[in-house]
Amino acid sequence: PRRLSAAALSRRRYVAGGHCTSAARLEGKVAVVTGANTGIGKETARDLARRGKVIIACRDIEKAEAAASEIRAETGNQQVIVKKLDLADTKSIREFAEKFLAEEKELHILINNAGVMLCPYSKTADGFEMHLGVNHLGHFLLTFLLLECLKQSAPARIVNVSSLAHHGGRIRFHDLHGEKSYNRGLAYCHSKLANVLFTRELARRLQGKSQRRAEFTANALHPGSVHSELVRHSFVMTWLWKIFSFFLKTPQEGAQTSVYCAVAEELDSVTGQYFSDCQPAYVSPRGRDDETAKKLWNVSCELLGIQWD
């Protein structure tokens, strides 16, 4: 039995994956984490709150306040602030940005973490397919609205939580909102590929603008297969997640790569990359397609009615 438990322990360690070992402090710095009331986002906010000021940006204020008070009590940091943000509504995104810019002078870390997965077919307030609208377009607009503040606060980092699922994604420009054909699993994959392409194009554009590469970085990541509420829309996935929970990361383990991308000193001048388990990871050929990345950027701007050159 002892040997079995040792084997089980080593399997658990393997499942846990990479761990962020950086002790970087964030005194005087401000971090925003979207969707931080539960799962990976909450654990990311908890870790960052041990280092500096964190703003939890969430749709459900009640859940967000509960998460924030738990984090404040545990870390002793009162600078854990809740602000309302509904990524399925561009009006809410604009209101969040407006209030943030009025109340905060600087922003050093933006973690685009919130996401939906396996939703039955539905649309956002602006008529975008839900996965694309929340996971990609919502964060695209949020980043655009906060970009000047990030630039002025440099060195600054943008961290986009993508997924290994991007390997199964395609950007279907002829049917972006899934009106001709819709599969909720694939819709999730498409949106995660959009995260990778957005990160790639954003990094390319920021590098062109900045003389010093280290000033401003954008990276994407795969958190791992995490036991979280993200699968709540699928009975089968929820059931499988319960059965195989031993083989899944805890939210705290899943948050490690997000934290790593946000604070690790060795990433000061690393941009446009994709990480998993706190190390560089393989990006699918579609995720490395610069033409698709540029086209997606332009189409996203058109859909959101913005000019982002």
Foldseek 3Di string as FASTA:
>chain_A
DVVVVVVLVVLLVVLLFAFQPDPAAQAVAEEEFEPCLWFLNLLLQLVNLLRYAYEYEYQDQVSQVVSQVVSCVVNVRPRYHYDYADLLDVVRLVVRLVVCVVPDQAHAEYELPDAAALADFDHGPLRATRRQRRLPLSVLSNCVSCVVRNLVRWVHEYEREAAPLLQLEDCPVVQRRQPVHDDRRRNNNNSSLLSLLLQQVVLVVVCVVDPQLLGYAYEYEHLFFELICNCVNDPVVPVVCVVVVSSHHYSNSSNRLVNLRGGPPVCSRPHSFYYYSSHGDDDHPSSVDNVVSVVSSVVSCVSVVHDDD
